[in-house]
Amino acid sequence: MRMLTTFCGFSVLLLFRGWVLSLLWGWFMVPLFHLPPILLFEALGVYLLVRLFCPHNSEQKDQKEVKDITFKYIWKVFVHEGSYITFFLALGWIIHLLL
C-alpha cells in the first residue's frame, strides 16, 4: 500500500511539473521566440530530457535514512517539491503579468 501511495504521489508531482512547464512555455517561449505551444506530455518529455542531461544534485543522505523511507520522509519530499514547483509558477505568473 505504501508503494502505491508513493507512486501515485510522485505521479501527481510529475504531472503538476509538466503542467507548470507547459504554462511557462506558453507564457514565455511562444511570444518571445514564436514557437508553437506544447501540450502536457510534450512538456513532460522536455522535462525528462533536461533532467537526463542536467541531473538534479540531491543532498547525500546517510545510509540509515535511505534504508528507512517512511511516510514522514515521503510527505516531506512531496511538500518540498510541490512548493518548489508552485514558487516557480507564481514567479512566472508575476513576470508574465509584467510583460
Protein backbone atom coordinates (compact mmCIF):
# COMPACT_ATOMS: atom_id res chain seq x y z
CA MET A 1 0.00 0.00 0.00
CA ARG A 2 2.85 2.36 0.83
CA MET A 3 4.44 1.77 -2.58
CA LEU A 4 1.15 2.54 -4.34
CA THR A 5 0.71 5.76 -2.35
CA THR A 6 4.28 6.81 -3.13
CA PHE A 7 3.87 6.03 -6.83
CA CYS A 8 0.60 7.98 -7.03
CA GLY A 9 2.05 10.93 -5.14
CA PHE A 10 5.11 11.25 -7.33
CA SER A 11 2.99 10.74 -10.46
CA VAL A 12 0.87 13.70 -9.39
CA LEU A 13 4.05 15.73 -8.86
CA LEU A 14 5.33 14.78 -12.29
CA LEU A 15 2.06 15.77 -13.96
CA PHE A 16 1.98 19.03 -11.99
CA ARG A 17 5.55 19.77 -13.08
CA GLY A 18 4.62 19.11 -16.72
CA TRP A 19 1.55 21.33 -16.45
CA VAL A 20 3.62 24.17 -14.98
CA LEU A 21 6.25 23.75 -17.69
CA SER A 22 3.61 23.88 -20.43
CA LEU A 23 2.14 27.06 -18.89
CA LEU A 24 5.53 28.73 -18.60
CA TRP A 25 6.33 27.69 -22.17
CA GLY A 26 3.11 29.26 -23.38
CA TRP A 27 3.74 32.45 -21.41
CA PHE A 28 7.35 33.00 -22.48
CA MET A 29 8.59 30.83 -25.34
CA VAL A 30 5.57 31.28 -27.62
CA PRO A 31 5.52 35.12 -27.67
CA LEU A 32 9.29 35.65 -27.41
CA PHE A 33 10.56 33.08 -29.91
CA HIS A 34 7.35 32.38 -31.88
CA LEU A 35 7.48 28.69 -31.01
CA PRO A 36 4.32 26.59 -31.01
CA PRO A 37 2.68 25.88 -27.66
CA ILE A 38 3.31 22.46 -26.16
CA LEU A 39 0.92 20.03 -24.51
CA LEU A 40 1.29 18.35 -21.14
CA PHE A 41 3.01 15.21 -22.39
CA GLU A 42 5.36 17.20 -24.63
CA ALA A 43 6.28 19.28 -21.58
CA LEU A 44 6.95 16.09 -19.65
CA GLY A 45 9.26 14.95 -22.46
CA VAL A 46 11.14 18.24 -22.35
CA TYR A 47 11.43 17.93 -18.57
CA LEU A 48 12.78 14.38 -18.82
CA LEU A 49 15.34 15.42 -21.47
CA VAL A 50 16.55 18.32 -19.35
CA ARG A 51 16.66 16.07 -16.29
CA LEU A 52 18.66 13.49 -18.23
CA PHE A 53 21.36 15.91 -19.37
CA CYS A 54 21.35 18.17 -16.27
CA PRO A 55 20.87 15.84 -13.31
CA HIS A 56 19.46 17.31 -10.12
CA ASN A 57 22.14 17.48 -7.44
CA SER A 58 20.46 15.92 -4.43
CA GLU A 59 21.91 16.01 -0.95
CA GLN A 60 23.81 12.97 0.23
CA LYS A 61 21.79 11.02 2.79
CA ASP A 62 23.26 8.72 5.36
CA GLN A 63 22.58 5.01 4.89
CA LYS A 64 20.05 4.76 7.73
CA GLU A 65 17.80 7.46 6.28
CA VAL A 66 17.94 5.95 2.78
CA LYS A 67 17.03 2.49 4.08
CA ASP A 68 14.19 3.75 6.28
CA ILE A 69 11.85 5.52 3.86
CA THR A 70 8.86 6.41 6.00
CA PHE A 71 5.62 8.18 5.28
CA LYS A 72 7.01 11.26 7.04
CA TYR A 73 10.03 11.32 4.70
CA ILE A 74 7.84 10.85 1.61
CA TRP A 75 5.48 13.60 2.76
CA LYS A 76 8.45 15.92 3.37
CA VAL A 77 9.77 15.34 -0.16
CA PHE A 78 6.27 15.74 -1.65
CA VAL A 79 5.64 19.06 0.14
CA HIS A 80 9.14 20.37 -0.68
CA GLU A 81 8.88 19.55 -4.39
CA GLY A 82 5.31 20.81 -4.62
CA SER A 83 6.17 24.13 -3.01
CA TYR A 84 9.26 24.45 -5.22
CA ILE A 85 7.17 23.99 -8.38
CA THR A 86 4.44 26.32 -7.09
CA PHE A 87 7.03 29.02 -6.36
CA PHE A 88 8.24 28.97 -9.96
CA LEU A 89 4.66 29.00 -11.24
CA ALA A 90 3.89 32.09 -9.12
CA LEU A 91 7.13 33.79 -10.16
CA GLY A 92 6.42 33.08 -13.83
CA TRP A 93 2.86 34.38 -13.47
CA ILE A 94 4.09 37.67 -11.96
CA ILE A 95 6.68 38.13 -14.72
CA HIS A 96 4.04 37.22 -17.33
CA LEU A 97 1.77 39.95 -16.00
CA LEU A 98 4.59 42.49 -16.24
CA LEU A 99 5.36 41.73 -19.91
